[in-house]
Amino acid sequence: MANEILSDAVLVTQYASGNEWALAQLIERHKSRIYSFIFSKVKDRDLSDDIFQETFIKVINTIKKQNYNEEGKFLPWVMRISHNLIIDHFRKQSKVKFQRDQEEYSVFSKMIDSELNIESSMIAGQIEDDLHTLILKLPQDQQEIIRLRLYDDLTFKEIAELNQISINTALGRMRYAIVNLRKMIDKNQIILND
């Protein structure tokens, strides 16, 4: 068995059935790409180590709870988990900074800002919902490109590597996705800005 090259999907299934060796193989196979990806975003070894470990804790928990259903796309799924953890880290950092900055403002300016922000966020939320609904109407490969580029904030080079396609193919899919979205936005008369 050690000489066979087992697919990620087979290893995930084996790990879900209790084979710890399978998880070790998955980590060994993908650790350098995942760690490099994390480090490229956070530029800190200790933080990269923490996020890498947190990523695999989430992977383990998801597989053990039988919630994994990415159908052979193990690496993109793990990269998405690590990317979300990176975003969470930066959100926490900016929240702490924002709270410090906010102490300088008066109560009055906070009240005005919060009223404007509630209305703006409601409008933005509605636009986001409309756009999300339209994205779900795109072909699967175009949905995937939009999600990875806009929501997961991956570069086209990273998207190409994850999906094992050329950068030109990734760019082409994004172009078709945008063209299709524009057509649907016009057809549904959705206004994306004031």
N, C-alpha and C. Protein backbone atom coordinates (compact mmCIF):
# COMPACT_ATOMS: atom_id res chain seq x y z
N MET A 1 0.83 -1.20 0.00
CA MET A 1 0.00 0.00 0.00
C MET A 1 0.86 1.25 0.00
N ALA A 2 2.02 1.23 0.68
CA ALA A 2 2.87 2.41 0.78
C ALA A 2 3.43 2.80 -0.59
N ASN A 3 3.60 1.83 -1.50
CA ASN A 3 4.16 2.13 -2.81
C ASN A 3 3.12 2.69 -3.78
N GLU A 4 1.86 2.41 -3.52
CA GLU A 4 0.79 2.91 -4.38
C GLU A 4 0.63 4.42 -4.18
N ILE A 5 0.30 5.12 -5.26
CA ILE A 5 -0.04 6.53 -5.14
C ILE A 5 -1.56 6.60 -5.06
N LEU A 6 -2.06 6.88 -3.89
CA LEU A 6 -3.51 6.95 -3.70
C LEU A 6 -3.97 8.38 -3.91
N SER A 7 -5.14 8.54 -4.50
CA SER A 7 -5.68 9.89 -4.74
C SER A 7 -6.07 10.52 -3.40
N ASP A 8 -6.19 11.86 -3.41
CA ASP A 8 -6.63 12.57 -2.21
C ASP A 8 -7.98 12.04 -1.74
N ALA A 9 -8.89 11.81 -2.69
CA ALA A 9 -10.24 11.36 -2.34
C ALA A 9 -10.20 10.03 -1.60
N VAL A 10 -9.34 9.10 -2.07
CA VAL A 10 -9.21 7.79 -1.42
C VAL A 10 -8.63 7.96 -0.02
N LEU A 11 -7.61 8.81 0.10
CA LEU A 11 -6.99 9.05 1.41
C LEU A 11 -8.00 9.67 2.39
N VAL A 12 -8.81 10.60 1.91
CA VAL A 12 -9.83 11.22 2.77
C VAL A 12 -10.81 10.16 3.25
N THR A 13 -11.26 9.30 2.34
CA THR A 13 -12.19 8.24 2.70
C THR A 13 -11.57 7.30 3.73
N GLN A 14 -10.29 6.94 3.51
CA GLN A 14 -9.61 6.05 4.45
C GLN A 14 -9.46 6.71 5.82
N TYR A 15 -9.13 8.01 5.82
CA TYR A 15 -8.99 8.71 7.10
C TYR A 15 -10.34 8.78 7.82
N ALA A 16 -11.40 9.04 7.07
CA ALA A 16 -12.75 9.10 7.66
C ALA A 16 -13.13 7.76 8.28
N SER A 17 -12.55 6.67 7.74
CA SER A 17 -12.81 5.33 8.27
C SER A 17 -11.87 4.95 9.42
N GLY A 18 -11.02 5.90 9.83
CA GLY A 18 -10.17 5.65 10.99
C GLY A 18 -8.70 5.39 10.70
N ASN A 19 -8.29 5.48 9.44
CA ASN A 19 -6.89 5.22 9.08
C ASN A 19 -6.07 6.50 9.24
N GLU A 20 -5.35 6.62 10.35
CA GLU A 20 -4.55 7.82 10.66
C GLU A 20 -3.42 8.02 9.64
N TRP A 21 -2.89 6.91 9.11
CA TRP A 21 -1.82 6.98 8.11
C TRP A 21 -2.26 7.82 6.91
N ALA A 22 -3.53 7.71 6.53
CA ALA A 22 -4.04 8.43 5.36
C ALA A 22 -3.94 9.94 5.57
N LEU A 23 -4.24 10.41 6.78
CA LEU A 23 -4.13 11.85 7.05
C LEU A 23 -2.67 12.28 6.96
N ALA A 24 -1.77 11.48 7.50
CA ALA A 24 -0.34 11.81 7.44
C ALA A 24 0.10 11.95 5.98
N GLN A 25 -0.41 11.08 5.10
CA GLN A 25 -0.07 11.15 3.68
C GLN A 25 -0.59 12.43 3.04
N LEU A 26 -1.83 12.80 3.38
CA LEU A 26 -2.41 14.04 2.84
C LEU A 26 -1.60 15.26 3.27
N ILE A 27 -1.25 15.31 4.55
CA ILE A 27 -0.48 16.45 5.06
C ILE A 27 0.88 16.49 4.38
N GLU A 28 1.54 15.35 4.31
CA GLU A 28 2.87 15.28 3.69
C GLU A 28 2.82 15.73 2.22
N ARG A 29 1.77 15.29 1.52
CA ARG A 29 1.63 15.60 0.09
C ARG A 29 1.43 17.09 -0.16
N HIS A 30 0.70 17.76 0.71
CA HIS A 30 0.29 19.15 0.43
C HIS A 30 0.88 20.21 1.34
N LYS A 31 1.66 19.79 2.36
CA LYS A 31 2.07 20.76 3.37
C LYS A 31 2.90 21.92 2.80
N SER A 32 3.79 21.65 1.86
CA SER A 32 4.65 22.74 1.37
C SER A 32 3.83 23.78 0.61
N ARG A 33 2.87 23.35 -0.21
CA ARG A 33 2.05 24.32 -0.95
C ARG A 33 1.16 25.12 -0.02
N ILE A 34 0.56 24.44 0.95
CA ILE A 34 -0.35 25.12 1.88
C ILE A 34 0.44 26.09 2.76
N TYR A 35 1.56 25.62 3.30
CA TYR A 35 2.37 26.48 4.17
C TYR A 35 2.90 27.68 3.39
N SER A 36 3.38 27.46 2.16
CA SER A 36 3.90 28.56 1.33
C SER A 36 2.80 29.59 1.06
N PHE A 37 1.60 29.08 0.78
CA PHE A 37 0.46 29.97 0.53
C PHE A 37 0.18 30.84 1.75
N ILE A 38 0.13 30.21 2.93
CA ILE A 38 -0.15 30.95 4.17
C ILE A 38 0.95 31.98 4.42
N PHE A 39 2.20 31.55 4.30
CA PHE A 39 3.32 32.45 4.56
C PHE A 39 3.33 33.62 3.58
N SER A 40 2.96 33.37 2.32
CA SER A 40 2.94 34.46 1.33
C SER A 40 1.94 35.54 1.70
N LYS A 41 0.93 35.18 2.47
CA LYS A 41 -0.10 36.16 2.86
C LYS A 41 0.23 36.86 4.17
N VAL A 42 0.80 36.13 5.15
CA VAL A 42 1.01 36.72 6.49
C VAL A 42 2.44 37.15 6.76
N LYS A 43 3.41 36.60 6.01
CA LYS A 43 4.83 36.99 6.12
C LYS A 43 5.40 36.86 7.53
N ASP A 44 4.96 35.85 8.26
CA ASP A 44 5.43 35.64 9.62
C ASP A 44 5.44 34.14 9.90
N ARG A 45 6.62 33.60 10.27
CA ARG A 45 6.76 32.14 10.44
C ARG A 45 5.86 31.60 11.56
N ASP A 46 5.89 32.25 12.74
CA ASP A 46 5.09 31.75 13.87
C ASP A 46 3.60 31.78 13.54
N LEU A 47 3.16 32.89 12.97
CA LEU A 47 1.74 33.01 12.61
C LEU A 47 1.39 31.98 11.53
N SER A 48 2.29 31.78 10.57
CA SER A 48 2.06 30.77 9.53
C SER A 48 1.91 29.38 10.13
N ASP A 49 2.79 29.06 11.11
CA ASP A 49 2.70 27.77 11.79
C ASP A 49 1.34 27.61 12.47
N ASP A 50 0.92 28.68 13.18
CA ASP A 50 -0.37 28.63 13.89
C ASP A 50 -1.53 28.41 12.92
N ILE A 51 -1.54 29.18 11.83
CA ILE A 51 -2.65 29.08 10.87
C ILE A 51 -2.62 27.72 10.17
N PHE A 52 -1.42 27.21 9.88
CA PHE A 52 -1.30 25.88 9.27
C PHE A 52 -1.91 24.82 10.18
N GLN A 53 -1.55 24.88 11.47
CA GLN A 53 -2.10 23.91 12.43
C GLN A 53 -3.61 24.06 12.56
N GLU A 54 -4.07 25.30 12.65
CA GLU A 54 -5.51 25.55 12.77
C GLU A 54 -6.26 25.02 11.55
N THR A 55 -5.64 25.19 10.37
CA THR A 55 -6.24 24.69 9.13
C THR A 55 -6.47 23.19 9.23
N PHE A 56 -5.45 22.45 9.66
CA PHE A 56 -5.59 20.99 9.70
C PHE A 56 -6.46 20.53 10.86
N ILE A 57 -6.59 21.32 11.90
CA ILE A 57 -7.57 20.99 12.95
C ILE A 57 -8.98 21.05 12.35
N LYS A 58 -9.23 22.10 11.55
CA LYS A 58 -10.55 22.22 10.90
C LYS A 58 -10.76 21.07 9.90
N VAL A 59 -9.72 20.73 9.15
CA VAL A 59 -9.80 19.62 8.19
C VAL A 59 -10.17 18.33 8.92
N ILE A 60 -9.44 18.04 10.00
CA ILE A 60 -9.67 16.82 10.78
C ILE A 60 -11.10 16.79 11.33
N ASN A 61 -11.52 17.90 11.94
CA ASN A 61 -12.88 17.96 12.52
C ASN A 61 -13.95 17.76 11.46
N THR A 62 -13.77 18.40 10.30
CA THR A 62 -14.77 18.29 9.23
C THR A 62 -14.85 16.86 8.72
N ILE A 63 -13.71 16.24 8.48
CA ILE A 63 -13.71 14.86 7.97
C ILE A 63 -14.28 13.90 9.01
N LYS A 64 -13.87 14.07 10.26
CA LYS A 64 -14.35 13.16 11.33
C LYS A 64 -15.86 13.28 11.54
N LYS A 65 -16.40 14.48 11.32
CA LYS A 65 -17.85 14.66 11.47
C LYS A 65 -18.60 14.25 10.21
N GLN A 66 -17.87 13.70 9.23
CA GLN A 66 -18.46 13.26 7.96
C GLN A 66 -19.08 14.42 7.18
N ASN A 67 -18.53 15.64 7.35
CA ASN A 67 -19.06 16.82 6.65
C ASN A 67 -18.27 17.17 5.40
N TYR A 68 -17.27 16.39 5.07
CA TYR A 68 -16.45 16.69 3.89
C TYR A 68 -17.16 16.17 2.65
N ASN A 69 -17.38 17.07 1.67
CA ASN A 69 -18.04 16.63 0.44
C ASN A 69 -17.54 17.42 -0.77
N GLU A 70 -16.23 17.65 -0.82
CA GLU A 70 -15.67 18.47 -1.90
C GLU A 70 -15.39 17.68 -3.18
N GLU A 71 -15.70 16.40 -3.20
CA GLU A 71 -15.61 15.56 -4.40
C GLU A 71 -14.29 15.70 -5.14
N GLY A 72 -13.22 15.25 -4.51
CA GLY A 72 -11.94 15.22 -5.20
C GLY A 72 -11.19 16.53 -5.25
N LYS A 73 -11.71 17.57 -4.60
CA LYS A 73 -11.03 18.86 -4.63
C LYS A 73 -10.46 19.16 -3.25
N PHE A 74 -9.69 18.24 -2.72
CA PHE A 74 -9.15 18.36 -1.38
C PHE A 74 -8.26 19.59 -1.22
N LEU A 75 -7.29 19.76 -2.11
CA LEU A 75 -6.35 20.88 -1.96
C LEU A 75 -7.05 22.24 -2.05
N PRO A 76 -7.90 22.50 -3.04
CA PRO A 76 -8.59 23.80 -3.05
C PRO A 76 -9.42 24.02 -1.78
N TRP A 77 -10.03 22.96 -1.27
CA TRP A 77 -10.83 23.06 -0.04
C TRP A 77 -9.95 23.46 1.14
N VAL A 78 -8.79 22.81 1.28
CA VAL A 78 -7.88 23.12 2.39
C VAL A 78 -7.33 24.54 2.23
N MET A 79 -7.01 24.93 1.00
CA MET A 79 -6.51 26.29 0.75
C MET A 79 -7.58 27.33 1.13
N ARG A 80 -8.83 27.00 0.84
CA ARG A 80 -9.93 27.92 1.18
C ARG A 80 -10.05 28.05 2.70
N ILE A 81 -9.90 26.94 3.42
CA ILE A 81 -9.94 26.99 4.89
C ILE A 81 -8.81 27.88 5.40
N SER A 82 -7.59 27.66 4.90
CA SER A 82 -6.45 28.45 5.37
C SER A 82 -6.65 29.92 5.01
N HIS A 83 -7.17 30.18 3.82
CA HIS A 83 -7.41 31.57 3.41
C HIS A 83 -8.42 32.25 4.33
N ASN A 84 -9.49 31.53 4.67
CA ASN A 84 -10.49 32.09 5.58
C ASN A 84 -9.90 32.37 6.96
N LEU A 85 -9.01 31.50 7.42
CA LEU A 85 -8.36 31.72 8.72
C LEU A 85 -7.44 32.95 8.66
N ILE A 86 -6.78 33.15 7.53
CA ILE A 86 -5.93 34.33 7.35
C ILE A 86 -6.79 35.59 7.40
N ILE A 87 -7.92 35.56 6.69
CA ILE A 87 -8.85 36.71 6.70
C ILE A 87 -9.33 36.98 8.12
N ASP A 88 -9.72 35.91 8.83
CA ASP A 88 -10.17 36.07 10.23
C ASP A 88 -9.10 36.75 11.07
N HIS A 89 -7.84 36.32 10.88
CA HIS A 89 -6.73 36.92 11.64
C HIS A 89 -6.64 38.42 11.37
N PHE A 90 -6.68 38.81 10.09
CA PHE A 90 -6.55 40.23 9.75
C PHE A 90 -7.77 41.03 10.19
N ARG A 91 -8.94 40.41 10.16
CA ARG A 91 -10.14 41.09 10.67
C ARG A 91 -9.99 41.40 12.16
N LYS A 92 -9.53 40.40 12.93
CA LYS A 92 -9.33 40.61 14.37
C LYS A 92 -8.32 41.72 14.60
N GLN A 93 -7.24 41.73 13.83
CA GLN A 93 -6.20 42.75 13.96
C GLN A 93 -6.78 44.14 13.68
N SER A 94 -7.56 44.26 12.60
CA SER A 94 -8.10 45.59 12.24
C SER A 94 -9.18 46.02 13.23
N LYS A 95 -9.92 45.05 13.81
CA LYS A 95 -10.93 45.39 14.82
C LYS A 95 -10.28 45.99 16.05
N VAL A 96 -9.17 45.39 16.48
CA VAL A 96 -8.44 45.91 17.64
C VAL A 96 -7.94 47.31 17.34
N LYS A 97 -7.38 47.51 16.15
CA LYS A 97 -6.87 48.83 15.75
C LYS A 97 -8.02 49.83 15.67
N PHE A 98 -9.15 49.39 15.08
CA PHE A 98 -10.30 50.27 14.91
C PHE A 98 -10.83 50.72 16.28
N GLN A 99 -10.88 49.82 17.24
CA GLN A 99 -11.37 50.19 18.57
C GLN A 99 -10.46 51.24 19.21
N ARG A 100 -9.15 51.12 19.00
CA ARG A 100 -8.23 52.13 19.54
C ARG A 100 -8.45 53.47 18.86
N ASP A 101 -8.60 53.44 17.52
CA ASP A 101 -8.80 54.68 16.78
C ASP A 101 -10.11 55.35 17.17
N GLN A 102 -11.12 54.57 17.46
CA GLN A 102 -12.46 55.08 17.70
C GLN A 102 -12.54 55.92 18.98
N GLU A 103 -11.65 55.64 19.92
CA GLU A 103 -11.69 56.36 21.19
C GLU A 103 -11.54 57.86 21.01
N GLU A 104 -10.94 58.28 19.89
CA GLU A 104 -10.73 59.71 19.64
C GLU A 104 -12.01 60.42 19.21
N TYR A 105 -12.98 59.66 18.68
CA TYR A 105 -14.19 60.30 18.14
C TYR A 105 -15.19 60.63 19.24
N SER A 106 -16.00 61.65 18.97
CA SER A 106 -17.04 62.01 19.94
C SER A 106 -18.24 61.08 19.78
N VAL A 107 -19.10 61.07 20.79
CA VAL A 107 -20.32 60.25 20.75
C VAL A 107 -21.19 60.68 19.59
N PHE A 108 -21.27 61.97 19.33
CA PHE A 108 -22.12 62.50 18.27
C PHE A 108 -21.70 61.96 16.90
N SER A 109 -20.41 62.01 16.62
CA SER A 109 -19.96 61.55 15.31
C SER A 109 -20.20 60.04 15.16
N LYS A 110 -20.10 59.31 16.26
CA LYS A 110 -20.36 57.86 16.21
C LYS A 110 -21.83 57.60 15.88
N MET A 111 -22.72 58.41 16.45
CA MET A 111 -24.16 58.22 16.18
C MET A 111 -24.45 58.45 14.70
N ILE A 112 -23.94 59.53 14.14
CA ILE A 112 -24.18 59.84 12.73
C ILE A 112 -23.60 58.73 11.85
N ASP A 113 -22.37 58.35 12.14
CA ASP A 113 -21.72 57.30 11.35
C ASP A 113 -22.50 56.01 11.40
N SER A 114 -22.98 55.62 12.58
CA SER A 114 -23.67 54.34 12.70
C SER A 114 -24.99 54.36 11.93
N GLU A 115 -25.70 55.50 11.92
CA GLU A 115 -26.96 55.57 11.16
C GLU A 115 -26.69 55.42 9.67
N LEU A 116 -25.66 56.12 9.17
CA LEU A 116 -25.31 56.01 7.76
C LEU A 116 -24.83 54.59 7.44
N ASN A 117 -24.08 54.02 8.35
CA ASN A 117 -23.54 52.68 8.12
C ASN A 117 -24.63 51.62 8.08
N ILE A 118 -25.67 51.77 8.90
CA ILE A 118 -26.78 50.80 8.90
C ILE A 118 -27.46 50.82 7.54
N GLU A 119 -27.78 52.02 7.02
CA GLU A 119 -28.43 52.13 5.72
C GLU A 119 -27.52 51.60 4.61
N SER A 120 -26.26 52.03 4.65
CA SER A 120 -25.30 51.59 3.63
C SER A 120 -25.13 50.07 3.66
N SER A 121 -25.03 49.52 4.87
CA SER A 121 -24.81 48.07 4.96
C SER A 121 -26.06 47.30 4.52
N MET A 122 -27.25 47.86 4.75
CA MET A 122 -28.47 47.20 4.27
C MET A 122 -28.49 47.17 2.74
N ILE A 123 -28.14 48.30 2.13
CA ILE A 123 -28.11 48.38 0.66
C ILE A 123 -27.04 47.44 0.13
N ALA A 124 -25.86 47.51 0.74
CA ALA A 124 -24.75 46.64 0.31
C ALA A 124 -25.14 45.17 0.46
N GLY A 125 -25.83 44.85 1.55
CA GLY A 125 -26.27 43.48 1.79
C GLY A 125 -27.23 43.00 0.72
N GLN A 126 -28.16 43.87 0.32
CA GLN A 126 -29.12 43.51 -0.72
C GLN A 126 -28.42 43.30 -2.06
N ILE A 127 -27.48 44.21 -2.38
CA ILE A 127 -26.72 44.06 -3.62
C ILE A 127 -25.94 42.75 -3.60
N GLU A 128 -25.30 42.47 -2.46
CA GLU A 128 -24.53 41.24 -2.30
C GLU A 128 -25.42 40.01 -2.51
N ASP A 129 -26.63 40.03 -1.92
CA ASP A 129 -27.57 38.91 -2.09
C ASP A 129 -27.96 38.73 -3.56
N ASP A 130 -28.28 39.86 -4.23
CA ASP A 130 -28.67 39.80 -5.64
C ASP A 130 -27.54 39.22 -6.49
N LEU A 131 -26.34 39.72 -6.22
CA LEU A 131 -25.17 39.28 -6.98
C LEU A 131 -24.90 37.79 -6.74
N HIS A 132 -25.02 37.37 -5.48
CA HIS A 132 -24.79 35.97 -5.13
C HIS A 132 -25.79 35.07 -5.86
N THR A 133 -27.05 35.50 -5.93
CA THR A 133 -28.08 34.73 -6.64
C THR A 133 -27.72 34.59 -8.11
N LEU A 134 -27.23 35.68 -8.71
CA LEU A 134 -26.84 35.62 -10.12
C LEU A 134 -25.62 34.73 -10.34
N ILE A 135 -24.66 34.81 -9.43
CA ILE A 135 -23.46 33.98 -9.55
C ILE A 135 -23.83 32.50 -9.56
N LEU A 136 -24.83 32.12 -8.76
CA LEU A 136 -25.26 30.72 -8.71
C LEU A 136 -25.88 30.24 -10.02
N LYS A 137 -26.24 31.20 -10.90
CA LYS A 137 -26.81 30.84 -12.20
C LYS A 137 -25.74 30.63 -13.26
N LEU A 138 -24.49 30.96 -12.92
CA LEU A 138 -23.38 30.78 -13.87
C LEU A 138 -23.00 29.29 -13.95
N PRO A 139 -22.32 28.90 -15.05
CA PRO A 139 -21.78 27.54 -15.10
C PRO A 139 -20.83 27.30 -13.93
N GLN A 140 -20.69 26.05 -13.52
CA GLN A 140 -19.93 25.69 -12.32
C GLN A 140 -18.49 26.21 -12.35
N ASP A 141 -17.81 26.08 -13.51
CA ASP A 141 -16.41 26.51 -13.57
C ASP A 141 -16.28 28.03 -13.40
N GLN A 142 -17.28 28.78 -13.88
CA GLN A 142 -17.26 30.24 -13.72
C GLN A 142 -17.58 30.63 -12.28
N GLN A 143 -18.51 29.91 -11.66
CA GLN A 143 -18.81 30.16 -10.23
C GLN A 143 -17.55 29.97 -9.39
N GLU A 144 -16.83 28.89 -9.68
CA GLU A 144 -15.61 28.56 -8.93
C GLU A 144 -14.57 29.67 -9.06
N ILE A 145 -14.36 30.17 -10.28
CA ILE A 145 -13.38 31.25 -10.51
C ILE A 145 -13.78 32.50 -9.74
N ILE A 146 -15.05 32.87 -9.81
CA ILE A 146 -15.53 34.08 -9.10
C ILE A 146 -15.33 33.92 -7.60
N ARG A 147 -15.70 32.74 -7.08
CA ARG A 147 -15.57 32.52 -5.64
C ARG A 147 -14.11 32.62 -5.21
N LEU A 148 -13.23 31.94 -5.93
CA LEU A 148 -11.81 31.94 -5.56
C LEU A 148 -11.18 33.33 -5.70
N ARG A 149 -11.56 34.06 -6.74
CA ARG A 149 -10.94 35.37 -6.99
C ARG A 149 -11.54 36.46 -6.09
N LEU A 150 -12.87 36.56 -6.07
CA LEU A 150 -13.50 37.68 -5.37
C LEU A 150 -13.73 37.41 -3.89
N TYR A 151 -14.14 36.21 -3.55
CA TYR A 151 -14.47 35.93 -2.15
C TYR A 151 -13.27 35.38 -1.38
N ASP A 152 -12.47 34.51 -2.03
CA ASP A 152 -11.30 33.94 -1.35
C ASP A 152 -10.04 34.75 -1.61
N ASP A 153 -10.12 35.73 -2.54
CA ASP A 153 -9.03 36.67 -2.80
C ASP A 153 -7.74 35.99 -3.27
N LEU A 154 -7.87 34.91 -4.04
CA LEU A 154 -6.69 34.25 -4.58
C LEU A 154 -6.25 34.96 -5.87
N THR A 155 -4.97 34.90 -6.18
CA THR A 155 -4.49 35.45 -7.45
C THR A 155 -4.84 34.47 -8.57
N PHE A 156 -4.77 34.94 -9.82
CA PHE A 156 -5.06 34.04 -10.93
C PHE A 156 -4.01 32.93 -11.00
N LYS A 157 -2.79 33.22 -10.60
CA LYS A 157 -1.74 32.19 -10.57
C LYS A 157 -2.12 31.10 -9.56
N GLU A 158 -2.58 31.50 -8.37
CA GLU A 158 -2.99 30.53 -7.35
C GLU A 158 -4.21 29.73 -7.81
N ILE A 159 -5.16 30.41 -8.46
CA ILE A 159 -6.36 29.74 -8.97
C ILE A 159 -5.96 28.70 -10.02
N ALA A 160 -5.05 29.09 -10.90
CA ALA A 160 -4.59 28.16 -11.95
C ALA A 160 -3.93 26.93 -11.34
N GLU A 161 -3.08 27.15 -10.34
CA GLU A 161 -2.41 26.02 -9.67
C GLU A 161 -3.41 25.11 -8.97
N LEU A 162 -4.35 25.71 -8.25
CA LEU A 162 -5.34 24.92 -7.50
C LEU A 162 -6.19 24.05 -8.42
N ASN A 163 -6.59 24.62 -9.56
CA ASN A 163 -7.48 23.90 -10.47
C ASN A 163 -6.72 23.16 -11.56
N GLN A 164 -5.37 23.22 -11.50
CA GLN A 164 -4.53 22.57 -12.50
C GLN A 164 -4.92 22.96 -13.92
N ILE A 165 -5.03 24.29 -14.12
CA ILE A 165 -5.33 24.86 -15.43
C ILE A 165 -4.30 25.96 -15.69
N SER A 166 -4.25 26.46 -16.92
CA SER A 166 -3.32 27.56 -17.21
C SER A 166 -3.90 28.87 -16.70
N ILE A 167 -3.03 29.85 -16.53
CA ILE A 167 -3.49 31.18 -16.09
C ILE A 167 -4.44 31.75 -17.14
N ASN A 168 -4.15 31.53 -18.43
CA ASN A 168 -5.03 32.04 -19.50
C ASN A 168 -6.43 31.43 -19.41
N THR A 169 -6.51 30.15 -19.06
CA THR A 169 -7.82 29.51 -18.90
C THR A 169 -8.57 30.15 -17.73
N ALA A 170 -7.84 30.38 -16.62
CA ALA A 170 -8.47 31.02 -15.45
C ALA A 170 -8.98 32.42 -15.82
N LEU A 171 -8.14 33.19 -16.53
CA LEU A 171 -8.54 34.55 -16.95
C LEU A 171 -9.73 34.50 -17.90
N GLY A 172 -9.71 33.52 -18.82
CA GLY A 172 -10.82 33.37 -19.77
C GLY A 172 -12.13 33.06 -19.07
N ARG A 173 -12.08 32.16 -18.08
CA ARG A 173 -13.30 31.82 -17.33
C ARG A 173 -13.82 33.04 -16.57
N MET A 174 -12.90 33.83 -16.02
CA MET A 174 -13.33 35.03 -15.30
C MET A 174 -13.98 36.02 -16.27
N ARG A 175 -13.38 36.17 -17.46
CA ARG A 175 -13.94 37.09 -18.45
C ARG A 175 -15.36 36.65 -18.84
N TYR A 176 -15.53 35.35 -19.12
CA TYR A 176 -16.87 34.85 -19.47
C TYR A 176 -17.84 35.04 -18.31
N ALA A 177 -17.37 34.81 -17.10
CA ALA A 177 -18.24 34.99 -15.92
C ALA A 177 -18.71 36.43 -15.82
N ILE A 178 -17.80 37.38 -16.03
CA ILE A 178 -18.16 38.81 -15.94
C ILE A 178 -19.13 39.20 -17.05
N VAL A 179 -18.85 38.71 -18.27
CA VAL A 179 -19.75 38.99 -19.40
C VAL A 179 -21.15 38.46 -19.09
N ASN A 180 -21.23 37.21 -18.60
CA ASN A 180 -22.53 36.60 -18.27
C ASN A 180 -23.23 37.34 -17.14
N LEU A 181 -22.46 37.75 -16.13
CA LEU A 181 -23.05 38.50 -15.01
C LEU A 181 -23.61 39.84 -15.49
N ARG A 182 -22.85 40.52 -16.35
CA ARG A 182 -23.33 41.82 -16.87
C ARG A 182 -24.66 41.66 -17.61
N LYS A 183 -24.74 40.59 -18.43
CA LYS A 183 -25.99 40.33 -19.16
C LYS A 183 -27.14 40.12 -18.18
N MET A 184 -26.89 39.31 -17.13
CA MET A 184 -27.96 39.03 -16.15
C MET A 184 -28.31 40.28 -15.34
N ILE A 185 -27.32 41.09 -15.02
CA ILE A 185 -27.57 42.33 -14.27
C ILE A 185 -28.45 43.27 -15.10
N ASP A 186 -28.11 43.41 -16.40
CA ASP A 186 -28.93 44.25 -17.29
C ASP A 186 -30.34 43.69 -17.41
N LYS A 187 -30.44 42.38 -17.62
CA LYS A 187 -31.74 41.73 -17.79
C LYS A 187 -32.61 41.90 -16.54
N ASN A 188 -32.00 41.75 -15.36
CA ASN A 188 -32.75 41.85 -14.10
C ASN A 188 -32.81 43.26 -13.54
N GLN A 189 -32.19 44.22 -14.26
CA GLN A 189 -32.18 45.63 -13.88
C GLN A 189 -31.72 45.84 -12.43
N ILE A 190 -30.59 45.22 -12.11
CA ILE A 190 -30.02 45.38 -10.78
C ILE A 190 -29.07 46.58 -10.82
N ILE A 191 -29.20 47.48 -9.86
CA ILE A 191 -28.35 48.65 -9.78
C ILE A 191 -27.29 48.36 -8.74
N LEU A 192 -26.02 48.38 -9.17
CA LEU A 192 -24.92 48.00 -8.27
C LEU A 192 -24.32 49.17 -7.52
N ASN A 193 -24.63 50.39 -7.92
CA ASN A 193 -24.14 51.54 -7.14
C ASN A 193 -25.11 52.71 -7.30
N ASP A 194 -24.91 53.73 -6.46
CA ASP A 194 -25.82 54.89 -6.48
C ASP A 194 -25.61 55.75 -7.70
